Protein backbone atom coordinates (compact mmCIF):
# COMPACT_ATOMS: atom_id res chain seq x y z
CA UNK A 1 36.97 34.26 60.61
CA UNK A 2 39.15 37.34 60.78
CA UNK A 3 42.78 36.33 61.02
CA UNK A 4 44.73 38.04 63.78
CA UNK A 5 48.26 36.83 64.53
CA UNK A 6 50.75 38.19 66.98
CA UNK A 7 54.50 38.25 67.44
CA UNK A 8 55.31 38.63 71.11
CA UNK A 9 59.04 39.00 71.80
CA UNK A 10 60.54 39.45 75.23
CA UNK A 11 62.87 42.50 75.37
CA UNK A 12 65.58 40.69 77.29
CA UNK A 13 68.13 40.68 74.47
CA UNK A 14 68.58 41.17 70.74
CA UNK A 15 66.02 39.73 68.34
CA UNK A 16 67.05 36.10 67.81
CA UNK A 17 67.09 34.74 64.29
CA UNK A 18 64.51 32.14 65.36
CA UNK A 19 62.23 34.88 66.65
CA UNK A 20 62.66 36.74 63.39
CA UNK A 21 61.49 33.64 61.51
CA UNK A 22 58.41 33.43 63.74
CA UNK A 23 57.64 37.10 63.10
CA UNK A 24 58.06 36.50 59.37
CA UNK A 25 55.61 33.59 59.34
CA UNK A 26 53.07 35.62 61.32
CA UNK A 27 53.47 38.56 58.96
CA UNK A 28 53.15 36.44 55.82
CA UNK A 29 50.07 34.63 57.07
CA UNK A 30 48.40 37.91 58.00
CA UNK A 31 49.15 39.40 54.60
CA UNK A 32 48.10 36.25 52.71
CA UNK A 33 44.73 36.16 54.47
CA UNK A 34 44.03 39.86 54.66
CA UNK A 35 44.36 39.68 58.44
CA UNK A 36 46.21 41.73 61.05
CA UNK A 37 49.77 41.36 62.32
CA UNK A 38 50.13 42.47 65.94
CA UNK A 39 53.30 43.22 67.90
CA UNK A 40 53.02 42.62 71.64
CA UNK A 41 55.91 43.19 74.03
CA UNK A 42 56.13 40.52 76.77
CA UNK A 43 58.14 42.47 79.33
CA UNK A 44 56.99 41.04 82.66
CA UNK A 45 60.55 39.91 83.46
CA UNK A 46 61.42 43.17 85.17
CA UNK A 47 65.03 42.30 85.93
CA UNK A 48 66.03 41.35 82.38
CA UNK A 49 63.67 43.46 80.25
CA UNK A 50 65.25 46.64 78.93
CA UNK A 51 63.84 49.47 76.86
CA UNK A 52 66.88 49.49 74.57
CA UNK A 53 66.19 45.87 73.62
CA UNK A 54 62.58 46.69 72.78
CA UNK A 55 63.74 49.57 70.59
CA UNK A 56 66.35 47.38 68.89
CA UNK A 57 63.86 44.60 68.21
CA UNK A 58 61.38 47.00 66.64
CA UNK A 59 64.17 48.47 64.49
CA UNK A 60 65.07 44.95 63.35
CA UNK A 61 61.47 44.23 62.37
CA UNK A 62 61.30 47.44 60.39
CA UNK A 63 64.66 46.66 58.73
CA UNK A 64 63.12 43.36 57.67
CA UNK A 65 60.11 45.21 56.26
CA UNK A 66 57.72 43.45 58.64
CA UNK A 67 55.35 46.32 59.25
CA UNK A 68 52.92 45.46 62.05
CA UNK A 69 49.32 46.72 62.04
CA UNK A 70 49.06 47.12 65.81
CA UNK A 71 51.67 47.54 68.50
CA UNK A 72 53.06 49.82 71.21
CA UNK A 73 53.16 52.75 68.78
CA UNK A 74 50.09 51.72 66.71
CA UNK A 75 46.97 51.44 68.82
CA UNK A 76 44.40 49.21 67.17
CA UNK A 77 41.93 49.28 70.03
CA UNK A 78 43.27 46.20 71.83
CA UNK A 79 46.04 47.79 73.90
CA UNK A 80 48.06 48.30 75.93
CA UNK A 81 50.53 46.26 73.87
CA UNK A 82 53.14 45.95 76.62
CA UNK A 83 52.41 43.35 79.27
CA UNK A 84 53.97 45.53 81.96
CA UNK A 85 51.07 47.95 81.36
CA UNK A 86 48.40 45.22 81.73
CA UNK A 87 48.99 44.03 85.32
CA UNK A 88 45.55 45.07 86.53
CA UNK A 89 43.96 42.97 83.79
CA UNK A 90 45.90 39.86 84.80
CA UNK A 91 45.15 40.33 88.50
CA UNK A 92 41.44 40.73 87.74
CA UNK A 93 41.32 37.44 85.86
CA UNK A 94 43.45 35.65 88.45
CA UNK A 95 41.19 36.62 91.36
CA UNK A 96 38.09 35.75 89.34
CA UNK A 97 39.56 32.26 88.96
CA UNK A 98 40.16 32.15 92.73
CA UNK A 99 36.55 33.17 93.40
CA UNK A 100 35.32 30.46 91.01
CA UNK A 101 37.42 27.78 92.70
CA UNK A 102 39.75 27.37 89.70
CA UNK A 103 42.80 28.90 91.37
CA UNK A 104 43.97 29.51 94.92
CA UNK A 105 46.51 31.46 97.01
CA UNK A 106 49.47 29.23 97.91
CA UNK A 107 51.61 30.06 100.94
CA UNK A 108 54.37 27.51 100.48
CA UNK A 109 57.75 29.00 101.32
CA UNK A 110 60.81 28.27 99.22
CA UNK A 111 62.18 26.01 101.97
CA UNK A 112 58.92 24.06 101.99
CA UNK A 113 58.96 23.77 98.21
CA UNK A 114 62.51 22.46 98.26
CA UNK A 115 61.59 19.93 100.97
CA UNK A 116 58.50 18.69 99.12
CA UNK A 117 60.41 18.47 95.85
CA UNK A 118 63.13 16.41 97.51
CA UNK A 119 60.50 14.11 99.01
CA UNK A 120 58.88 13.59 95.60
CA UNK A 121 62.23 12.83 94.01
CA UNK A 122 63.06 10.31 96.71
CA UNK A 123 59.75 8.58 95.99
CA UNK A 124 60.46 8.82 92.24
CA UNK A 125 57.29 10.74 91.48
CA UNK A 126 56.70 14.10 89.75
CA UNK A 127 58.02 17.04 91.84
CA UNK A 128 54.72 18.90 91.50
CA UNK A 129 52.82 16.09 93.26
CA UNK A 130 52.98 17.79 96.67
CA UNK A 131 52.61 21.41 95.55
CA UNK A 132 48.85 21.51 96.15
CA UNK A 133 49.06 21.78 99.93
CA UNK A 134 46.81 24.87 100.06
CA UNK A 135 44.42 23.77 97.29
CA UNK A 136 41.50 23.29 99.66
CA UNK A 137 42.27 26.02 102.20
CA UNK A 138 38.98 27.83 103.03
CA UNK A 139 38.74 31.33 101.56
CA UNK A 140 38.44 33.02 104.96
CA UNK A 141 41.63 31.38 106.22
CA UNK A 142 43.47 32.36 103.06
CA UNK A 143 42.29 35.94 103.52
CA UNK A 144 43.59 35.99 107.11
CA UNK A 145 47.02 34.89 105.94
CA UNK A 146 47.05 37.54 103.20
CA UNK A 147 45.91 40.25 105.62
CA UNK A 148 48.66 39.16 108.01
CA UNK A 149 51.23 39.87 105.32
CA UNK A 150 52.19 36.29 104.50
CA UNK A 151 53.87 35.93 101.12
CA UNK A 152 51.90 33.96 98.56
CA UNK A 153 51.53 33.09 94.91
CA UNK A 154 48.36 32.24 93.04
CA UNK A 155 48.27 28.73 91.65
CA UNK A 156 45.98 27.41 88.95
CA UNK A 157 44.05 24.33 90.07
CA UNK A 158 44.72 21.54 87.56
CA UNK A 159 41.34 19.92 86.79
CA UNK A 160 43.10 16.58 86.24
CA UNK A 161 42.28 15.31 82.77
CA UNK A 162 43.93 14.64 79.43
CA UNK A 163 44.24 17.52 77.01
CA UNK A 164 44.15 17.11 73.25
CA UNK A 165 44.34 19.67 70.49
CA UNK A 166 45.00 19.66 66.74
CA UNK A 167 48.19 21.45 65.79
CA UNK A 168 48.36 22.77 62.22
CA UNK A 169 51.92 21.45 61.87
CA UNK A 170 52.14 18.42 64.20
CA UNK A 171 48.62 17.04 63.91
CA UNK A 172 46.81 15.76 66.99
CA UNK A 173 48.74 16.31 70.22
CA UNK A 174 47.71 14.80 73.57
CA UNK A 175 49.07 15.70 77.01
CA UNK A 176 48.65 13.27 79.94
CA UNK A 177 46.66 14.47 82.95
CA UNK A 178 49.64 14.30 85.30
CA UNK A 179 52.05 16.20 83.05
CA UNK A 180 51.81 19.35 85.20
CA UNK A 181 50.61 20.11 88.67
CA UNK A 182 48.95 23.20 90.11
CA UNK A 183 51.11 25.77 88.36
CA UNK A 184 51.76 29.36 89.40
CA UNK A 185 49.91 32.06 87.46
CA UNK A 186 50.76 35.09 89.65
CA UNK A 187 54.15 35.32 91.33
CA UNK A 188 54.72 36.57 94.86
CA UNK A 189 55.74 39.98 93.46
CA UNK A 190 52.34 40.32 91.79
CA UNK A 191 53.61 39.71 88.26
CA UNK A 192 51.97 37.09 86.03
CA UNK A 193 53.79 34.11 84.53
CA UNK A 194 54.03 33.63 80.79
CA UNK A 195 51.52 30.81 80.42
CA UNK A 196 48.83 32.84 82.13
CA UNK A 197 49.24 36.34 80.77
CA UNK A 198 49.75 35.28 77.16
CA UNK A 199 46.38 33.46 77.25
CA UNK A 200 44.63 36.50 78.70
CA UNK A 201 46.25 38.73 76.07
CA UNK A 202 45.49 36.40 73.16
CA UNK A 203 41.88 36.15 74.31
CA UNK A 204 41.36 39.90 74.73
CA UNK A 205 43.25 40.75 71.55
CA UNK A 206 41.14 38.22 69.61
CA UNK A 207 44.17 36.31 68.34
CA UNK A 208 42.96 33.66 65.90
CA UNK A 209 46.24 31.83 65.22
CA UNK A 210 49.29 31.31 67.41
CA UNK A 211 52.32 30.61 65.22
CA UNK A 212 55.46 29.86 67.21
CA UNK A 213 58.43 27.51 67.53
CA UNK A 214 58.20 23.87 68.62
CA UNK A 215 59.88 24.57 71.96
CA UNK A 216 56.63 26.24 73.05
CA UNK A 217 54.64 23.03 72.48
CA UNK A 218 54.75 21.86 76.11
CA UNK A 219 53.50 25.27 77.26
CA UNK A 220 50.28 24.61 75.41
CA UNK A 221 48.85 22.24 78.01
CA UNK A 222 48.84 24.94 80.70
CA UNK A 223 47.42 27.43 78.25
CA UNK A 224 44.59 25.09 77.24
CA UNK A 225 43.64 24.84 80.92
CA UNK A 226 43.49 28.60 81.28
CA UNK A 227 41.47 29.04 78.08
CA UNK A 228 38.88 26.60 79.39
CA UNK A 229 38.85 28.14 82.86
CA UNK A 230 38.10 31.67 81.61
CA UNK A 231 35.60 30.43 79.02
CA UNK A 232 37.60 31.62 76.02
CA UNK A 233 37.83 30.25 72.50
CA UNK A 234 41.09 28.44 71.81
CA UNK A 235 43.06 29.82 68.84
CA UNK A 236 44.56 27.63 66.15
CA UNK A 237 48.12 26.58 67.01
CA UNK A 238 51.00 26.03 64.59
CA UNK A 239 54.25 24.93 66.21
CA UNK A 240 57.05 25.32 63.66
CA UNK A 241 60.19 23.23 63.58
CA UNK A 242 63.21 24.29 65.59
CA UNK A 243 66.27 25.90 64.03
CA UNK A 244 69.33 23.77 64.72
CA UNK A 245 73.06 24.09 64.10
CA UNK A 246 75.33 21.58 62.41
CA UNK A 247 75.46 19.58 65.65
CA UNK A 248 71.65 19.24 65.44
CA UNK A 249 71.26 21.17 68.69
CA UNK A 250 68.99 24.18 69.07
CA UNK A 251 70.55 27.22 67.40
CA UNK A 252 72.49 29.29 69.93
CA UNK A 253 75.44 31.67 70.16
CA UNK A 254 77.91 28.81 69.99
CA UNK A 255 76.83 28.31 66.36
CA UNK A 256 77.83 31.86 65.39
CA UNK A 257 75.73 34.95 64.70
CA UNK A 258 72.20 34.38 65.97
CA UNK A 259 70.74 37.89 66.28
CA UNK A 260 69.27 39.99 63.51
CA UNK A 261 71.34 42.97 64.67
CA UNK A 262 74.55 41.07 63.93
CA UNK A 263 73.46 40.46 60.36
CA UNK A 264 72.41 44.09 60.00
CA UNK A 265 75.84 45.19 61.19
CA UNK A 266 77.48 42.84 58.69
CA UNK A 267 75.37 44.41 55.91
CA UNK A 268 73.42 41.36 54.82
CA UNK A 269 70.49 42.22 52.58
CA UNK A 270 67.26 41.93 54.59
CA UNK A 271 65.46 40.35 51.63
CA UNK A 272 68.12 37.64 51.47
CA UNK A 273 67.85 36.83 55.17
CA UNK A 274 64.05 36.79 54.94
CA UNK A 275 64.11 34.55 51.88
CA UNK A 276 66.40 32.06 53.60
CA UNK A 277 64.54 32.09 56.93
CA UNK A 278 61.23 31.56 55.17
CA UNK A 279 62.47 28.25 53.72
CA UNK A 280 63.71 26.94 57.06
CA UNK A 281 60.64 24.90 57.89
CA UNK A 282 58.35 25.99 55.04
CA UNK A 283 58.35 25.17 51.33
CA UNK A 284 57.28 27.35 48.40
CA UNK A 285 54.35 25.87 46.41
CA UNK A 286 56.32 26.30 43.19
CA UNK A 287 59.47 24.85 44.79
CA UNK A 288 61.29 28.15 44.32
CA UNK A 289 64.42 28.94 46.30
CA UNK A 290 64.89 32.60 45.44
CA UNK A 291 61.89 34.89 45.79
CA UNK A 292 60.68 38.17 47.26
CA UNK A 293 58.25 37.85 50.16
CA UNK A 294 56.07 40.47 48.49
CA UNK A 295 55.56 38.00 45.65
CA UNK A 296 54.08 35.32 47.89
CA UNK A 297 50.65 36.94 48.01
CA UNK A 298 48.10 34.27 48.82
CA UNK A 299 50.59 31.46 48.20
CA UNK A 300 51.69 31.39 51.83
CA UNK A 301 49.65 28.97 53.88
CA UNK A 302 50.16 26.95 57.02
CA UNK A 303 49.88 23.55 55.33
CA UNK A 304 53.41 23.71 53.89
CA UNK A 305 55.27 23.64 57.19
CA UNK A 306 57.66 20.77 57.90
CA UNK A 307 57.83 18.91 61.21
CA UNK A 308 61.56 18.21 60.89
CA UNK A 309 64.17 20.46 62.52
CA UNK A 310 65.57 23.05 60.10
CA UNK A 311 69.35 23.18 59.71
CA UNK A 312 70.67 26.72 59.80
CA UNK A 313 73.60 26.89 57.39
CA UNK A 314 75.51 30.17 57.09
CA UNK A 315 76.94 29.05 53.74
CA UNK A 316 73.44 28.77 52.33
CA UNK A 317 72.53 32.16 53.75
CA UNK A 318 75.56 33.65 51.99
CA UNK A 319 74.39 32.07 48.74
CA UNK A 320 70.97 33.69 49.14
CA UNK A 321 72.65 37.02 49.87
CA UNK A 322 74.73 36.65 46.70
CA UNK A 323 71.66 35.97 44.56
CA UNK A 324 69.68 38.91 45.92
CA UNK A 325 72.69 41.21 45.61
CA UNK A 326 73.08 40.33 41.94
CA UNK A 327 69.37 40.91 41.30
CA UNK A 328 69.46 44.54 42.50
CA UNK A 329 69.43 47.44 40.03
CA UNK A 330 72.97 48.74 39.60
CA UNK A 331 72.17 51.95 41.50
CA UNK A 332 71.20 49.91 44.56
CA UNK A 333 74.22 47.66 44.14
CA UNK A 334 76.40 50.76 44.39
CA UNK A 335 74.65 51.81 47.60
CA UNK A 336 75.08 48.38 49.18
CA UNK A 337 78.72 47.99 48.13
CA UNK A 338 79.58 51.28 49.79
CA UNK A 339 78.41 49.83 53.12
CA UNK A 340 81.31 47.38 52.88
CA UNK A 341 84.00 49.98 52.23
CA UNK A 342 86.05 51.81 54.83
CA UNK A 343 85.99 55.57 55.07
CA UNK A 344 88.68 57.41 53.16
CA UNK A 345 88.80 54.85 50.37
CA UNK A 346 89.84 56.12 46.93
CA UNK A 347 86.59 54.60 45.70
CA UNK A 348 84.68 57.62 47.01
CA UNK A 349 86.67 59.99 44.78
CA UNK A 350 85.35 58.35 41.62
CA UNK A 351 82.41 59.38 39.41
CA UNK A 352 78.96 57.81 39.56
CA UNK A 353 79.53 56.08 36.23
CA UNK A 354 82.83 54.67 37.49
CA UNK A 355 81.07 53.28 40.57
CA UNK A 356 78.35 51.65 38.46
CA UNK A 357 80.96 50.01 36.25
CA UNK A 358 82.86 48.86 39.33
CA UNK A 359 79.69 47.36 40.80
CA UNK A 360 78.79 45.61 37.55
CA UNK A 361 82.30 44.15 37.28
CA UNK A 362 82.66 42.82 40.82
CA UNK A 363 79.10 41.97 41.88
CA UNK A 364 79.51 38.50 40.39
CA UNK A 365 82.65 37.92 42.46
CA UNK A 366 81.27 38.38 45.97
CA UNK A 367 78.60 37.01 48.27
CA UNK A 368 78.80 39.68 50.97
CA UNK A 369 79.38 43.40 50.57
CA UNK A 370 82.12 43.14 53.20
CA UNK A 371 84.18 41.28 50.59
CA UNK A 372 84.30 44.27 48.26
CA UNK A 373 87.12 45.90 50.23
CA UNK A 374 89.38 43.07 49.12
CA UNK A 375 88.71 43.87 45.45
CA UNK A 376 89.96 47.46 45.61
CA UNK A 377 93.68 46.54 45.30
CA UNK A 378 92.89 45.12 41.85
CA UNK A 379 92.13 48.70 40.84
CA UNK A 380 94.22 50.94 43.06
CA UNK A 381 97.31 48.99 44.14
CA UNK A 382 100.56 48.96 42.15
CA UNK A 383 101.98 46.36 44.52
CA UNK A 384 102.18 43.06 42.67
CA UNK A 385 103.13 40.21 44.98
CA UNK A 386 103.29 37.68 42.16
CA UNK A 387 102.70 33.97 42.70
CA UNK A 388 104.38 31.17 40.74
CA UNK A 389 101.82 31.38 37.88
CA UNK A 390 102.45 35.12 37.62
CA UNK A 391 106.22 34.58 37.43
CA UNK A 392 105.78 31.86 34.86
CA UNK A 393 103.73 34.12 32.59
CA UNK A 394 106.28 36.91 32.95
CA UNK A 395 108.90 34.46 31.78
CA UNK A 396 107.18 33.79 28.50
CA UNK A 397 109.12 35.03 25.47
CA UNK A 398 106.37 37.42 24.36
CA UNK A 399 105.50 39.03 27.72
CA UNK A 400 108.41 41.55 27.86
CA UNK A 401 107.38 42.83 24.41
CA UNK A 402 103.82 43.32 25.65
CA UNK A 403 105.06 45.16 28.77
CA UNK A 404 107.38 47.45 26.77
CA UNK A 405 104.65 48.37 24.27
CA UNK A 406 101.98 49.00 26.91
CA UNK A 407 104.34 51.14 28.98
CA UNK A 408 104.95 53.37 25.95
CA UNK A 409 101.21 53.66 25.25
CA UNK A 410 100.33 54.38 28.86
CA UNK A 411 102.94 57.12 28.93
CA UNK A 412 100.86 59.00 26.38
CA UNK A 413 97.92 59.26 28.82
CA UNK A 414 98.34 62.10 31.28
CA UNK A 415 95.50 61.33 33.70
CA UNK A 416 92.48 59.14 34.32
CA UNK A 417 92.28 55.62 32.94
CA UNK A 418 92.42 54.07 29.47
CA UNK A 419 89.07 53.53 27.82
CA UNK A 420 87.83 50.07 26.86
CA UNK A 421 88.24 51.11 23.23
CA UNK A 422 91.87 52.07 23.85
CA UNK A 423 92.63 48.69 25.43
CA UNK A 424 91.01 46.98 22.45
CA UNK A 425 93.20 49.05 20.14
CA UNK A 426 96.34 48.02 22.03
CA UNK A 427 95.50 44.33 21.90
CA UNK A 428 94.73 44.54 18.18
CA UNK A 429 98.16 46.10 17.63
CA UNK A 430 99.88 43.36 19.65
CA UNK A 431 98.04 40.74 17.65
CA UNK A 432 98.58 42.20 14.16
CA UNK A 433 101.91 43.96 14.41
CA UNK A 434 103.77 41.88 17.00
CA UNK A 435 102.08 38.63 15.98
CA UNK A 436 101.21 37.71 19.57
CA UNK A 437 98.03 35.65 19.71
CA UNK A 438 95.93 33.39 21.91
CA UNK A 439 97.02 32.63 25.47
CA UNK A 440 100.32 34.54 25.26
CA UNK A 441 98.38 37.66 24.20
CA UNK A 442 95.48 37.56 26.63
CA UNK A 443 97.24 36.19 29.69
CA UNK A 444 100.40 38.18 29.04
CA UNK A 445 98.45 41.43 28.76
CA UNK A 446 96.49 40.61 31.92
CA UNK A 447 99.60 39.87 33.95
CA UNK A 448 101.33 43.05 32.81
CA UNK A 449 98.34 45.34 33.47
CA UNK A 450 96.81 43.72 36.53
CA UNK A 451 99.53 41.64 38.17
CA UNK A 452 97.16 38.65 38.13
CA UNK A 453 96.89 35.58 35.92
CA UNK A 454 93.10 35.49 36.27
CA UNK A 455 90.36 37.93 37.16
CA UNK A 456 87.31 39.83 35.96
CA UNK A 457 86.88 41.19 32.45
CA UNK A 458 90.29 42.64 31.58
CA UNK A 459 89.23 45.61 29.45
CA UNK A 460 86.66 46.79 31.98
CA UNK A 461 89.10 46.36 34.86
CA UNK A 462 91.79 48.38 33.07
CA UNK A 463 89.27 51.12 32.27
CA UNK A 464 88.72 51.53 36.03
CA UNK A 465 92.42 51.55 36.97
CA UNK A 466 94.36 54.85 37.25
CA UNK A 467 97.06 55.21 34.61
CA UNK A 468 99.83 55.69 37.21
CA UNK A 469 98.94 52.32 38.76
CA UNK A 470 99.02 50.65 35.33
CA UNK A 471 102.40 52.20 34.57
CA UNK A 472 103.85 51.00 37.85
CA UNK A 473 102.65 47.46 37.11
CA UNK A 474 104.24 47.59 33.64
CA UNK A 475 107.54 48.68 35.14
CA UNK A 476 107.48 45.80 37.62
CA UNK A 477 106.78 43.39 34.78
CA UNK A 478 109.91 44.64 32.99
CA UNK A 479 112.24 44.22 35.97
C-alpha cells in the first residue's frame, strides 16, 4: 500500500501548537514509509477563513521544515487542494446520495428545529430524534419545494446500525446506532459540512492514513457512514492523545502561547519545538529525549503512540530549546543570539571572533535567545549595583590591593580589551608577588573586574570587556 497522509488545517486563525504536532506526525510517517505528505486547506467556513491565515500557516510549516509533497502550490494530480475550490465535487456526491436514497433535502426551518429540539429535551431523548421529518418525502414533492425557492439542507440518512473500527492508537472503537441522527452534509448556503467534504477529499486524494487528535474521534462515526454510502475504502485512523495544560484541560490560550507564530516571534529553535512536540504522545524506540527529526528515518511508526493525554509544559520546552541551542555550531549560535538582541546594541560593533567567543561563553547560561540581552551588562556596563556578597568581598583585606594593582595595569592599555594571556599574567603576579592565593585571589579579582561574585569564566569574560569599563569597575572597587 502506498502511504498518503494529509494535514488539513482550517485557515481561521494561527497554526495551533496541537495542529503543528499533527502535521509533524503526518510528515514523519510519510517520510518513514516513503509515502506522500499532503497539505489540504479546509476553508469552507467563509466567514472565518482568511487568506492571511493560510499564508501564515504555510510559513509556519516551512519554518518547521515540514515540506509537503502536494498542496495548494504543489499540484500532485489530486487537486484542487483548497476545499473552497471543490464545491462542485461535493454537490455532485451529495446529489448522487439523494438519488440513491441515502440522503434527502430537508426543509425544516430554524424555528421548527428549535421546537423539535425542545420537544425531544422535554421527553429526555436525543435532540436529533425528530430531525428526520422529510426523510421519506417523495422526490417529486421535494423538487417542487426546491423549485419554489424554499430553503433546504441536504441530510444524510442514518442507516441505523452500530459502527466499529480499529483505531491504531485506541484499539477497537464502537459507536452505538443512535449516537447521531440524520446529519447535515450540505448547508442551506450550498457549502458542505466538515464530516462530509473531508471524506470525499480523503477518498479522491487516496489518503491511506488519517492521523489526527483525539477530539476528532466522535466525528469518525459520521465519516464511516459516508465512506460506506459512496462505496469508498476506509483509511486507517490514528487518533492521538490530546495536549493538555497543567489543569488537565485541553490546551488553549489561557495556558499561554499556543500558536507556532508566537514561538517563532520569541525566537525558539524550530528543531527544539519539533523535538518536544514529537514526544508529546509518542515515544522514541531508543528512549531518547533529544534528537533531530531527520535522524528518525524508519524508526517512526504508529505503534508507539500513547493513549494518555500529553501535558504541555513550557519549562520542558525551554529545556529542549536550551539543549538544541548548545548543540549548534558556534557560527549558528551567533546568528541565533543576534535574534535576541535589540538594534543599536554595542554587540554589533564587535568582530566576528569576539561574537564567537561571546556565544561560547554565554550559551551555557541561557535557555532562550531572548535572555542574551540580560548578559550584555556583564560586558559593557560599568554600573556595579553590588549586593551584600559583593560588599563583603570588597571588604576583604586583600581586595583593595588587587583593585589598585589591576587599575595600574589597565591604565597601560589604550584600547580594546585585555587578552586572556594578560589576565593570566596579572593573576600570577598577584599570587607570587603579593602572596594572594585561593578564594581571596579568584573571588577578589572577579569582584574588582566584573562587579559580580560569581559568573562565567573570568579570563574569557574580561577578554571581551572594553578596557574603559574595566577601569571604571576598578575605581568603584577602590571607593
